[in-house]
Amino acid sequence: MQNQTPAFPRSLFVLAILYGGMVPLGGFLGAKQVALGPLAVEAGIFPFLTLVALSSAVAELHGNQVAQKMVRYGFIPLILAIFWTFLVVQLPTDPGMYEPAKEAFPIIVAQGARMMAAGIIAYGVSVTLNIWLFDRLRGAVGKFAGLRGFVAASLSQIVDTLIFIGISFYGVRPILDLMIGQAITKVVLSAVLVPLIIALAVRVGRQLDREAA
């Protein structure tokens, strides 16, 4: 008797786990600004572009609706991460904790409510837009998933930048130069990282499904 294909594809299971891990990690790593030659960007862009690429890979393997559902489920780890971070920051600190870490921890992980709200909104809008664009470009670009992924990621990351910086810093500091610099950096990184991650995820996903068949 031949093994039947699982009702829940192995590739979707693995990619969804990776996706769920990238969602809260983006917010945590965003506490650091990195310099890439003349470009500067918050480090959370690396896991965020990874989850953008993973969502595109899921759309390529399993369709737009499955990928959009995964994005909605992604709010669960994001909101839980915010909740637990807020709770831990409020809890009393052990007096014996390593002194530099004691002072640095709340600075690194704690964010204002405005930035948290900006992150949730930017995540939902930009990743949903990315999947929609990736799927819509199928007719124009065809099977070139990497190219579709780059275009979709670039446009969605521009929108993400406008939303996040606009909500976080409007009225607090000048934001136009910050938006332009962040958008340019994210487009460049999208060109470098997204097609590679999509190609790898799709290849591994198809291999996983063949092994499970």
N, C-alpha and C. Protein backbone atom coordinates (compact mmCIF):
# COMPACT_ATOMS: atom_id res chain seq x y z
N MET A 1 0.86 -1.20 0.00
CA MET A 1 0.00 0.00 0.00
C MET A 1 0.88 1.24 0.00
N GLN A 2 0.58 2.16 -0.92
CA GLN A 2 1.37 3.38 -1.02
C GLN A 2 0.95 4.37 0.06
N ASN A 3 1.95 5.14 0.53
CA ASN A 3 1.65 6.19 1.49
C ASN A 3 0.85 7.29 0.82
N GLN A 4 -0.15 7.78 1.52
CA GLN A 4 -0.96 8.87 0.99
C GLN A 4 -0.32 10.20 1.37
N THR A 5 -0.51 11.20 0.50
CA THR A 5 0.01 12.53 0.78
C THR A 5 -0.72 13.10 2.01
N PRO A 6 0.00 13.64 2.98
CA PRO A 6 -0.65 14.17 4.18
C PRO A 6 -1.63 15.29 3.82
N ALA A 7 -2.69 15.39 4.59
CA ALA A 7 -3.67 16.46 4.36
C ALA A 7 -3.01 17.83 4.54
N PHE A 8 -2.06 17.90 5.46
CA PHE A 8 -1.32 19.14 5.70
C PHE A 8 0.07 18.96 5.11
N PRO A 9 0.38 19.61 4.00
CA PRO A 9 1.66 19.37 3.32
C PRO A 9 2.86 19.62 4.23
N ARG A 10 3.84 18.78 4.10
CA ARG A 10 5.04 18.92 4.92
C ARG A 10 5.73 20.26 4.68
N SER A 11 5.76 20.70 3.43
CA SER A 11 6.42 21.97 3.12
C SER A 11 5.73 23.13 3.84
N LEU A 12 4.40 23.10 3.88
CA LEU A 12 3.66 24.18 4.55
C LEU A 12 3.94 24.15 6.05
N PHE A 13 4.01 22.97 6.62
CA PHE A 13 4.31 22.84 8.05
C PHE A 13 5.67 23.46 8.39
N VAL A 14 6.69 23.11 7.62
CA VAL A 14 8.04 23.60 7.89
C VAL A 14 8.14 25.11 7.64
N LEU A 15 7.61 25.58 6.54
CA LEU A 15 7.70 27.01 6.22
C LEU A 15 6.89 27.85 7.20
N ALA A 16 5.76 27.33 7.66
CA ALA A 16 4.95 28.07 8.63
C ALA A 16 5.68 28.21 9.96
N ILE A 17 6.40 27.16 10.37
CA ILE A 17 7.18 27.25 11.61
C ILE A 17 8.27 28.31 11.48
N LEU A 18 8.98 28.29 10.36
CA LEU A 18 10.01 29.30 10.14
C LEU A 18 9.41 30.70 10.10
N TYR A 19 8.27 30.83 9.45
CA TYR A 19 7.59 32.12 9.34
C TYR A 19 7.22 32.65 10.73
N GLY A 20 6.62 31.76 11.54
CA GLY A 20 6.22 32.19 12.88
C GLY A 20 7.39 32.65 13.73
N GLY A 21 8.56 32.06 13.54
CA GLY A 21 9.74 32.48 14.29
C GLY A 21 10.27 33.84 13.85
N MET A 22 10.13 34.14 12.56
CA MET A 22 10.65 35.40 12.05
C MET A 22 9.82 36.60 12.49
N VAL A 23 8.52 36.40 12.75
CA VAL A 23 7.64 37.53 13.05
C VAL A 23 8.08 38.28 14.30
N PRO A 24 8.19 37.64 15.48
CA PRO A 24 8.64 38.39 16.66
C PRO A 24 10.11 38.74 16.63
N LEU A 25 10.93 37.95 15.92
CA LEU A 25 12.37 38.23 15.88
C LEU A 25 12.64 39.57 15.19
N GLY A 26 11.83 39.92 14.23
CA GLY A 26 12.01 41.20 13.54
C GLY A 26 11.90 42.37 14.49
N GLY A 27 10.93 42.31 15.40
CA GLY A 27 10.78 43.39 16.37
C GLY A 27 11.93 43.46 17.35
N PHE A 28 12.44 42.31 17.77
CA PHE A 28 13.53 42.28 18.73
C PHE A 28 14.82 42.82 18.13
N LEU A 29 15.18 42.34 16.92
CA LEU A 29 16.43 42.78 16.30
C LEU A 29 16.36 44.23 15.83
N GLY A 30 15.13 44.76 15.70
CA GLY A 30 14.99 46.14 15.26
C GLY A 30 15.56 47.16 16.23
N ALA A 31 15.96 46.70 17.43
CA ALA A 31 16.56 47.62 18.39
C ALA A 31 17.95 48.08 17.96
N LYS A 32 18.55 47.37 16.99
CA LYS A 32 19.89 47.76 16.53
C LYS A 32 19.82 48.35 15.13
N GLN A 33 20.55 49.44 14.93
CA GLN A 33 20.73 50.03 13.60
C GLN A 33 22.04 49.52 13.03
N VAL A 34 22.02 49.03 11.80
CA VAL A 34 23.23 48.53 11.17
C VAL A 34 23.61 49.41 9.99
N ALA A 35 24.91 49.52 9.75
CA ALA A 35 25.42 50.29 8.63
C ALA A 35 25.92 49.33 7.56
N LEU A 36 25.40 49.46 6.36
CA LEU A 36 25.81 48.64 5.23
C LEU A 36 26.42 49.56 4.18
N GLY A 37 27.70 49.87 4.36
CA GLY A 37 28.32 50.87 3.50
C GLY A 37 27.66 52.21 3.74
N PRO A 38 27.16 52.86 2.69
CA PRO A 38 26.50 54.16 2.88
C PRO A 38 25.07 54.03 3.36
N LEU A 39 24.54 52.81 3.41
CA LEU A 39 23.15 52.61 3.78
C LEU A 39 23.04 52.26 5.26
N ALA A 40 21.96 52.71 5.89
CA ALA A 40 21.70 52.40 7.29
C ALA A 40 20.25 51.94 7.42
N VAL A 41 20.05 50.90 8.23
CA VAL A 41 18.71 50.35 8.39
C VAL A 41 18.64 49.61 9.71
N GLU A 42 17.43 49.50 10.27
CA GLU A 42 17.29 48.73 11.51
C GLU A 42 17.41 47.24 11.18
N ALA A 43 18.06 46.51 12.08
CA ALA A 43 18.43 45.13 11.80
C ALA A 43 17.24 44.19 11.69
N GLY A 44 16.07 44.61 12.15
CA GLY A 44 14.89 43.79 12.02
C GLY A 44 14.49 43.52 10.58
N ILE A 45 15.06 44.26 9.65
CA ILE A 45 14.71 44.06 8.23
C ILE A 45 15.13 42.68 7.75
N PHE A 46 16.17 42.10 8.34
CA PHE A 46 16.63 40.78 7.87
C PHE A 46 15.61 39.68 8.14
N PRO A 47 15.14 39.50 9.39
CA PRO A 47 14.06 38.52 9.57
C PRO A 47 12.77 38.94 8.89
N PHE A 48 12.51 40.24 8.78
CA PHE A 48 11.27 40.67 8.14
C PHE A 48 11.27 40.33 6.65
N LEU A 49 12.38 40.55 5.98
CA LEU A 49 12.46 40.17 4.57
C LEU A 49 12.41 38.66 4.42
N THR A 50 12.93 37.94 5.42
CA THR A 50 12.83 36.48 5.38
C THR A 50 11.38 36.04 5.43
N LEU A 51 10.58 36.64 6.32
CA LEU A 51 9.18 36.24 6.39
C LEU A 51 8.41 36.70 5.15
N VAL A 52 8.79 37.83 4.57
CA VAL A 52 8.17 38.25 3.31
C VAL A 52 8.45 37.21 2.22
N ALA A 53 9.71 36.77 2.14
CA ALA A 53 10.07 35.78 1.13
C ALA A 53 9.39 34.44 1.41
N LEU A 54 9.30 34.04 2.68
CA LEU A 54 8.64 32.79 3.02
C LEU A 54 7.16 32.83 2.66
N SER A 55 6.51 33.97 2.88
CA SER A 55 5.10 34.07 2.51
C SER A 55 4.93 33.97 1.00
N SER A 56 5.86 34.53 0.24
CA SER A 56 5.82 34.40 -1.22
C SER A 56 6.04 32.95 -1.65
N ALA A 57 6.95 32.27 -0.97
CA ALA A 57 7.21 30.86 -1.29
C ALA A 57 5.97 30.01 -1.01
N VAL A 58 5.28 30.29 0.09
CA VAL A 58 4.04 29.56 0.39
C VAL A 58 2.98 29.85 -0.66
N ALA A 59 2.90 31.11 -1.11
CA ALA A 59 1.95 31.44 -2.17
C ALA A 59 2.29 30.70 -3.46
N GLU A 60 3.56 30.54 -3.75
CA GLU A 60 4.00 29.83 -4.95
C GLU A 60 3.66 28.34 -4.86
N LEU A 61 3.84 27.77 -3.68
CA LEU A 61 3.63 26.33 -3.50
C LEU A 61 2.17 25.96 -3.26
N HIS A 62 1.46 26.81 -2.51
CA HIS A 62 0.14 26.41 -2.02
C HIS A 62 -0.98 27.42 -2.32
N GLY A 63 -0.63 28.52 -2.98
CA GLY A 63 -1.66 29.45 -3.40
C GLY A 63 -1.79 30.67 -2.50
N ASN A 64 -2.43 31.69 -3.05
CA ASN A 64 -2.57 32.99 -2.40
C ASN A 64 -3.36 32.89 -1.09
N GLN A 65 -4.46 32.14 -1.10
CA GLN A 65 -5.32 32.09 0.08
C GLN A 65 -4.62 31.45 1.27
N VAL A 66 -3.85 30.39 1.03
CA VAL A 66 -3.11 29.74 2.11
C VAL A 66 -2.06 30.70 2.68
N ALA A 67 -1.37 31.41 1.82
CA ALA A 67 -0.35 32.35 2.28
C ALA A 67 -0.97 33.49 3.08
N GLN A 68 -2.12 34.00 2.64
CA GLN A 68 -2.78 35.08 3.37
C GLN A 68 -3.25 34.61 4.74
N LYS A 69 -3.71 33.36 4.81
CA LYS A 69 -4.11 32.80 6.11
C LYS A 69 -2.91 32.70 7.04
N MET A 70 -1.75 32.32 6.51
CA MET A 70 -0.55 32.25 7.33
C MET A 70 -0.18 33.62 7.89
N VAL A 71 -0.35 34.66 7.08
CA VAL A 71 -0.08 36.02 7.55
C VAL A 71 -0.99 36.37 8.72
N ARG A 72 -2.26 36.01 8.61
CA ARG A 72 -3.19 36.32 9.70
C ARG A 72 -2.80 35.56 10.97
N TYR A 73 -2.41 34.30 10.83
CA TYR A 73 -1.95 33.56 12.00
C TYR A 73 -0.67 34.16 12.58
N GLY A 74 0.08 34.86 11.74
CA GLY A 74 1.31 35.49 12.21
C GLY A 74 1.08 36.56 13.26
N PHE A 75 -0.15 37.09 13.34
CA PHE A 75 -0.45 38.07 14.39
C PHE A 75 -0.35 37.43 15.78
N ILE A 76 -0.56 36.12 15.86
CA ILE A 76 -0.56 35.46 17.17
C ILE A 76 0.82 35.55 17.83
N PRO A 77 1.91 35.06 17.20
CA PRO A 77 3.22 35.21 17.85
C PRO A 77 3.64 36.66 18.02
N LEU A 78 3.22 37.54 17.11
CA LEU A 78 3.58 38.95 17.23
C LEU A 78 2.94 39.58 18.47
N ILE A 79 1.65 39.35 18.66
CA ILE A 79 0.96 39.92 19.80
C ILE A 79 1.43 39.28 21.10
N LEU A 80 1.66 37.96 21.09
CA LEU A 80 2.16 37.30 22.29
C LEU A 80 3.55 37.83 22.67
N ALA A 81 4.40 38.05 21.66
CA ALA A 81 5.74 38.58 21.94
C ALA A 81 5.65 39.97 22.58
N ILE A 82 4.76 40.80 22.07
CA ILE A 82 4.58 42.14 22.65
C ILE A 82 4.06 42.03 24.09
N PHE A 83 3.09 41.14 24.30
CA PHE A 83 2.52 40.98 25.64
C PHE A 83 3.57 40.53 26.64
N TRP A 84 4.33 39.47 26.29
CA TRP A 84 5.31 38.94 27.22
C TRP A 84 6.46 39.91 27.45
N THR A 85 6.83 40.64 26.40
CA THR A 85 7.88 41.65 26.57
C THR A 85 7.43 42.73 27.54
N PHE A 86 6.21 43.21 27.36
CA PHE A 86 5.68 44.25 28.26
C PHE A 86 5.62 43.73 29.70
N LEU A 87 5.16 42.49 29.88
CA LEU A 87 5.04 41.93 31.23
C LEU A 87 6.40 41.78 31.89
N VAL A 88 7.37 41.23 31.15
CA VAL A 88 8.70 41.00 31.72
C VAL A 88 9.38 42.32 32.10
N VAL A 89 9.20 43.35 31.27
CA VAL A 89 9.79 44.65 31.59
C VAL A 89 9.20 45.22 32.88
N GLN A 90 7.91 44.95 33.13
CA GLN A 90 7.25 45.48 34.31
C GLN A 90 7.60 44.71 35.58
N LEU A 91 7.98 43.45 35.45
CA LEU A 91 8.28 42.64 36.63
C LEU A 91 9.56 43.14 37.32
N PRO A 92 9.64 42.97 38.65
CA PRO A 92 10.85 43.41 39.38
C PRO A 92 12.10 42.70 38.87
N THR A 93 13.19 43.42 38.83
CA THR A 93 14.46 42.86 38.38
C THR A 93 15.22 42.23 39.54
N ASP A 94 15.78 41.09 39.31
CA ASP A 94 16.60 40.41 40.32
C ASP A 94 17.81 41.30 40.64
N PRO A 95 18.01 41.65 41.91
CA PRO A 95 19.16 42.50 42.27
C PRO A 95 20.50 41.90 41.87
N GLY A 96 20.57 40.58 41.75
CA GLY A 96 21.82 39.95 41.40
C GLY A 96 22.08 39.86 39.91
N MET A 97 21.20 40.41 39.09
CA MET A 97 21.38 40.34 37.64
C MET A 97 22.62 41.12 37.23
N TYR A 98 23.30 40.64 36.21
CA TYR A 98 24.50 41.30 35.69
C TYR A 98 24.19 42.77 35.43
N GLU A 99 24.97 43.67 36.03
CA GLU A 99 24.60 45.08 36.11
C GLU A 99 24.41 45.76 34.74
N PRO A 100 25.36 45.62 33.80
CA PRO A 100 25.12 46.27 32.50
C PRO A 100 23.85 45.76 31.81
N ALA A 101 23.59 44.44 31.94
CA ALA A 101 22.39 43.88 31.32
C ALA A 101 21.13 44.40 32.00
N LYS A 102 21.20 44.64 33.30
CA LYS A 102 20.05 45.14 34.05
C LYS A 102 19.58 46.49 33.49
N GLU A 103 20.52 47.35 33.17
CA GLU A 103 20.16 48.66 32.65
C GLU A 103 19.83 48.62 31.17
N ALA A 104 20.51 47.74 30.43
CA ALA A 104 20.35 47.72 28.98
C ALA A 104 19.07 47.02 28.54
N PHE A 105 18.63 46.02 29.30
CA PHE A 105 17.51 45.19 28.86
C PHE A 105 16.25 46.00 28.54
N PRO A 106 15.75 46.83 29.46
CA PRO A 106 14.52 47.57 29.12
C PRO A 106 14.71 48.56 27.98
N ILE A 107 15.94 49.07 27.81
CA ILE A 107 16.19 50.00 26.71
C ILE A 107 16.11 49.27 25.38
N ILE A 108 16.65 48.03 25.35
CA ILE A 108 16.72 47.27 24.11
C ILE A 108 15.35 46.73 23.70
N VAL A 109 14.64 46.13 24.66
CA VAL A 109 13.42 45.40 24.28
C VAL A 109 12.14 46.21 24.42
N ALA A 110 12.15 47.23 25.27
CA ALA A 110 10.91 47.97 25.51
C ALA A 110 10.71 49.00 24.39
N GLN A 111 9.48 49.05 23.89
CA GLN A 111 9.10 50.04 22.90
C GLN A 111 7.85 50.75 23.38
N GLY A 112 7.67 51.96 22.91
CA GLY A 112 6.45 52.68 23.24
C GLY A 112 5.24 52.03 22.58
N ALA A 113 4.07 52.32 23.15
CA ALA A 113 2.83 51.77 22.59
C ALA A 113 2.63 52.22 21.15
N ARG A 114 3.08 53.40 20.84
CA ARG A 114 2.93 53.93 19.48
C ARG A 114 3.73 53.10 18.48
N MET A 115 4.97 52.74 18.84
CA MET A 115 5.80 51.94 17.94
C MET A 115 5.27 50.51 17.84
N MET A 116 4.75 49.97 18.93
CA MET A 116 4.17 48.63 18.87
C MET A 116 2.97 48.60 17.93
N ALA A 117 2.11 49.61 18.04
CA ALA A 117 0.95 49.69 17.16
C ALA A 117 1.39 49.84 15.71
N ALA A 118 2.43 50.65 15.51
CA ALA A 118 2.95 50.85 14.15
C ALA A 118 3.47 49.54 13.58
N GLY A 119 4.15 48.74 14.41
CA GLY A 119 4.67 47.46 13.94
C GLY A 119 3.58 46.49 13.54
N ILE A 120 2.51 46.42 14.33
CA ILE A 120 1.41 45.51 14.03
C ILE A 120 0.73 45.91 12.73
N ILE A 121 0.44 47.20 12.58
CA ILE A 121 -0.25 47.67 11.38
C ILE A 121 0.63 47.50 10.14
N ALA A 122 1.91 47.88 10.26
CA ALA A 122 2.82 47.76 9.12
C ALA A 122 2.99 46.31 8.70
N TYR A 123 3.09 45.41 9.68
CA TYR A 123 3.21 43.98 9.37
C TYR A 123 2.00 43.50 8.57
N GLY A 124 0.80 43.76 9.10
CA GLY A 124 -0.40 43.26 8.45
C GLY A 124 -0.58 43.78 7.04
N VAL A 125 -0.38 45.08 6.87
CA VAL A 125 -0.60 45.70 5.56
C VAL A 125 0.47 45.28 4.56
N SER A 126 1.74 45.36 4.97
CA SER A 126 2.82 45.15 4.00
C SER A 126 2.93 43.70 3.55
N VAL A 127 2.80 42.75 4.47
CA VAL A 127 2.93 41.35 4.07
C VAL A 127 1.71 40.90 3.27
N THR A 128 0.52 41.38 3.64
CA THR A 128 -0.67 41.09 2.84
C THR A 128 -0.52 41.65 1.44
N LEU A 129 -0.02 42.88 1.34
CA LEU A 129 0.20 43.49 0.03
C LEU A 129 1.25 42.72 -0.76
N ASN A 130 2.30 42.26 -0.08
CA ASN A 130 3.35 41.50 -0.76
C ASN A 130 2.79 40.24 -1.42
N ILE A 131 1.98 39.49 -0.69
CA ILE A 131 1.42 38.26 -1.25
C ILE A 131 0.49 38.57 -2.41
N TRP A 132 -0.32 39.60 -2.26
CA TRP A 132 -1.26 39.98 -3.33
C TRP A 132 -0.51 40.35 -4.60
N LEU A 133 0.53 41.18 -4.46
CA LEU A 133 1.33 41.58 -5.61
C LEU A 133 2.05 40.39 -6.24
N PHE A 134 2.62 39.54 -5.39
CA PHE A 134 3.33 38.36 -5.88
C PHE A 134 2.41 37.49 -6.74
N ASP A 135 1.18 37.32 -6.28
CA ASP A 135 0.22 36.50 -7.02
C ASP A 135 -0.25 37.20 -8.30
N ARG A 136 -0.49 38.51 -8.23
CA ARG A 136 -0.97 39.26 -9.39
C ARG A 136 0.08 39.34 -10.49
N LEU A 137 1.36 39.35 -10.11
CA LEU A 137 2.43 39.45 -11.09
C LEU A 137 2.66 38.13 -11.83
N ARG A 138 2.00 37.08 -11.41
CA ARG A 138 2.19 35.79 -12.04
C ARG A 138 1.87 35.84 -13.54
N GLY A 139 0.81 36.57 -13.89
CA GLY A 139 0.43 36.66 -15.29
C GLY A 139 1.40 37.48 -16.11
N ALA A 140 2.03 38.49 -15.50
CA ALA A 140 2.94 39.36 -16.23
C ALA A 140 4.35 38.80 -16.33
N VAL A 141 4.82 38.16 -15.25
CA VAL A 141 6.20 37.70 -15.19
C VAL A 141 6.29 36.18 -15.36
N GLY A 142 5.19 35.49 -15.11
CA GLY A 142 5.17 34.05 -15.30
C GLY A 142 5.86 33.29 -14.19
N LYS A 143 6.68 32.34 -14.55
CA LYS A 143 7.25 31.41 -13.58
C LYS A 143 8.44 31.96 -12.81
N PHE A 144 8.88 33.18 -13.12
CA PHE A 144 10.07 33.72 -12.46
C PHE A 144 9.71 34.22 -11.06
N ALA A 145 9.64 33.29 -10.13
CA ALA A 145 9.20 33.62 -8.77
C ALA A 145 10.14 34.61 -8.09
N GLY A 146 11.44 34.50 -8.35
CA GLY A 146 12.38 35.42 -7.73
C GLY A 146 12.16 36.86 -8.16
N LEU A 147 11.89 37.06 -9.44
CA LEU A 147 11.63 38.41 -9.94
C LEU A 147 10.32 38.96 -9.37
N ARG A 148 9.29 38.11 -9.37
CA ARG A 148 8.02 38.54 -8.78
C ARG A 148 8.20 38.87 -7.30
N GLY A 149 9.00 38.05 -6.62
CA GLY A 149 9.25 38.29 -5.20
C GLY A 149 9.96 39.60 -4.95
N PHE A 150 10.95 39.92 -5.79
CA PHE A 150 11.68 41.18 -5.62
C PHE A 150 10.76 42.38 -5.82
N VAL A 151 9.97 42.37 -6.89
CA VAL A 151 9.08 43.51 -7.17
C VAL A 151 8.05 43.66 -6.05
N ALA A 152 7.43 42.54 -5.67
CA ALA A 152 6.41 42.59 -4.62
C ALA A 152 7.01 43.04 -3.29
N ALA A 153 8.18 42.51 -2.95
CA ALA A 153 8.82 42.87 -1.69
C ALA A 153 9.23 44.34 -1.68
N SER A 154 9.77 44.83 -2.78
CA SER A 154 10.20 46.23 -2.85
C SER A 154 9.04 47.18 -2.63
N LEU A 155 7.95 46.94 -3.35
CA LEU A 155 6.78 47.82 -3.22
C LEU A 155 6.16 47.72 -1.83
N SER A 156 6.07 46.50 -1.32
CA SER A 156 5.46 46.34 0.00
C SER A 156 6.34 46.93 1.09
N GLN A 157 7.66 46.89 0.91
CA GLN A 157 8.56 47.46 1.92
C GLN A 157 8.54 48.98 1.91
N ILE A 158 8.28 49.56 0.76
CA ILE A 158 8.09 51.02 0.72
C ILE A 158 6.85 51.39 1.52
N VAL A 159 5.77 50.63 1.32
CA VAL A 159 4.54 50.87 2.08
C VAL A 159 4.78 50.64 3.57
N ASP A 160 5.51 49.56 3.90
CA ASP A 160 5.84 49.27 5.30
C ASP A 160 6.58 50.44 5.93
N THR A 161 7.53 51.01 5.21
CA THR A 161 8.31 52.14 5.72
C THR A 161 7.42 53.35 5.97
N LEU A 162 6.57 53.65 5.02
CA LEU A 162 5.67 54.80 5.17
C LEU A 162 4.77 54.64 6.39
N ILE A 163 4.23 53.45 6.57
CA ILE A 163 3.32 53.22 7.69
C ILE A 163 4.07 53.26 9.02
N PHE A 164 5.16 52.47 9.12
CA PHE A 164 5.84 52.35 10.41
C PHE A 164 6.45 53.68 10.85
N ILE A 165 7.19 54.33 9.98
CA ILE A 165 7.84 55.58 10.37
C ILE A 165 6.79 56.67 10.56
N GLY A 166 5.78 56.69 9.69
CA GLY A 166 4.74 57.70 9.82
C GLY A 166 4.02 57.62 11.15
N ILE A 167 3.62 56.42 11.55
CA ILE A 167 2.90 56.27 12.82
C ILE A 167 3.84 56.47 14.00
N SER A 168 5.05 55.96 13.91
CA SER A 168 5.98 56.01 15.04
C SER A 168 6.51 57.41 15.33
N PHE A 169 6.82 58.17 14.27
CA PHE A 169 7.60 59.40 14.48
C PHE A 169 6.94 60.68 13.98
N TYR A 170 5.74 60.59 13.39
CA TYR A 170 5.11 61.82 12.91
C TYR A 170 4.84 62.76 14.09
N GLY A 171 5.28 64.00 13.95
CA GLY A 171 5.11 64.98 15.01
C GLY A 171 6.18 64.91 16.08
N VAL A 172 7.04 63.90 16.01
CA VAL A 172 8.11 63.74 16.99
C VAL A 172 9.44 64.22 16.44
N ARG A 173 9.69 63.89 15.16
CA ARG A 173 10.94 64.26 14.51
C ARG A 173 10.69 64.37 13.01
N PRO A 174 11.58 65.04 12.25
CA PRO A 174 11.43 65.06 10.79
C PRO A 174 11.52 63.64 10.24
N ILE A 175 10.62 63.29 9.33
CA ILE A 175 10.55 61.89 8.91
C ILE A 175 10.81 61.67 7.43
N LEU A 176 10.83 62.72 6.62
CA LEU A 176 10.95 62.52 5.18
C LEU A 176 12.29 61.88 4.81
N ASP A 177 13.39 62.44 5.30
CA ASP A 177 14.71 61.87 4.99
C ASP A 177 14.83 60.45 5.54
N LEU A 178 14.27 60.22 6.72
CA LEU A 178 14.31 58.89 7.31
C LEU A 178 13.55 57.89 6.45
N MET A 179 12.38 58.30 5.96
CA MET A 179 11.58 57.42 5.10
C MET A 179 12.33 57.08 3.81
N ILE A 180 12.92 58.10 3.19
CA ILE A 180 13.61 57.89 1.92
C ILE A 180 14.80 56.95 2.10
N GLY A 181 15.60 57.20 3.14
CA GLY A 181 16.77 56.36 3.39
C GLY A 181 16.40 54.91 3.69
N GLN A 182 15.38 54.73 4.53
CA GLN A 182 14.95 53.37 4.87
C GLN A 182 14.37 52.66 3.66
N ALA A 183 13.58 53.37 2.86
CA ALA A 183 12.95 52.75 1.69
C ALA A 183 14.01 52.30 0.68
N ILE A 184 15.00 53.15 0.42
CA ILE A 184 16.06 52.79 -0.53
C ILE A 184 16.82 51.55 -0.04
N THR A 185 17.16 51.54 1.25
CA THR A 185 17.89 50.41 1.81
C THR A 185 17.08 49.12 1.70
N LYS A 186 15.79 49.19 2.00
CA LYS A 186 14.95 47.99 1.95
C LYS A 186 14.79 47.47 0.52
N VAL A 187 14.72 48.37 -0.45
CA VAL A 187 14.63 47.94 -1.85
C VAL A 187 15.91 47.22 -2.26
N VAL A 188 17.06 47.78 -1.87
CA VAL A 188 18.34 47.15 -2.20
C VAL A 188 18.44 45.77 -1.56
N LEU A 189 18.09 45.67 -0.29
CA LEU A 189 18.15 44.38 0.39
C LEU A 189 17.14 43.40 -0.19
N SER A 190 15.98 43.91 -0.62
CA SER A 190 14.99 43.03 -1.26
C SER A 190 15.55 42.42 -2.53
N ALA A 191 16.30 43.22 -3.29
CA ALA A 191 16.90 42.71 -4.53
C ALA A 191 17.93 41.63 -4.25
N VAL A 192 18.65 41.75 -3.14
CA VAL A 192 19.72 40.81 -2.83
C VAL A 192 19.20 39.55 -2.17
N LEU A 193 18.30 39.71 -1.19
CA LEU A 193 17.92 38.58 -0.33
C LEU A 193 16.67 37.84 -0.78
N VAL A 194 15.64 38.57 -1.17
CA VAL A 194 14.33 37.94 -1.37
C VAL A 194 14.34 36.87 -2.46
N PRO A 195 14.89 37.14 -3.67
CA PRO A 195 14.88 36.07 -4.69
C PRO A 195 15.62 34.82 -4.24
N LEU A 196 16.73 34.98 -3.52
CA LEU A 196 17.49 33.82 -3.05
C LEU A 196 16.69 32.99 -2.04
N ILE A 197 16.04 33.68 -1.09
CA ILE A 197 15.29 32.97 -0.06
C ILE A 197 14.08 32.27 -0.68
N ILE A 198 13.40 32.94 -1.62
CA ILE A 198 12.24 32.31 -2.28
C ILE A 198 12.68 31.05 -3.03
N ALA A 199 13.75 31.18 -3.80
CA ALA A 199 14.23 30.04 -4.58
C ALA A 199 14.58 28.86 -3.67
N LEU A 200 15.27 29.14 -2.56
CA LEU A 200 15.66 28.09 -1.63
C LEU A 200 14.44 27.47 -0.96
N ALA A 201 13.50 28.33 -0.50
CA ALA A 201 12.32 27.82 0.19
C ALA A 201 11.44 26.99 -0.73
N VAL A 202 11.27 27.43 -1.97
CA VAL A 202 10.45 26.67 -2.92
C VAL A 202 11.11 25.33 -3.24
N ARG A 203 12.41 25.36 -3.44
CA ARG A 203 13.12 24.11 -3.75
C ARG A 203 13.03 23.12 -2.59
N VAL A 204 13.30 23.59 -1.38
CA VAL A 204 13.22 22.72 -0.21
C VAL A 204 11.79 22.24 0.00
N GLY A 205 10.82 23.15 -0.18
CA GLY A 205 9.43 22.77 0.01
C GLY A 205 8.99 21.68 -0.95
N ARG A 206 9.35 21.79 -2.19
CA ARG A 206 8.98 20.77 -3.18
C ARG A 206 9.65 19.43 -2.86
N GLN A 207 10.89 19.50 -2.39
CA GLN A 207 11.59 18.28 -2.01
C GLN A 207 10.91 17.60 -0.83
N LEU A 208 10.49 18.39 0.16
CA LEU A 208 9.80 17.85 1.32
C LEU A 208 8.48 17.17 0.91
N ASP A 209 7.76 17.80 0.00
CA ASP A 209 6.48 17.22 -0.44
C ASP A 209 6.68 15.96 -1.26
N ARG A 210 7.76 15.92 -2.05
CA ARG A 210 8.03 14.70 -2.81
C ARG A 210 8.38 13.54 -1.89
N GLU A 211 9.14 13.84 -0.83
CA GLU A 211 9.51 12.80 0.12
C GLU A 211 8.31 12.27 0.88
N ALA A 212 7.30 13.16 1.10
CA ALA A 212 6.12 12.77 1.87
C ALA A 212 5.09 12.04 1.01
N ALA A 213 5.24 12.13 -0.33
CA ALA A 213 4.24 11.52 -1.22
C ALA A 213 4.29 10.00 -1.19
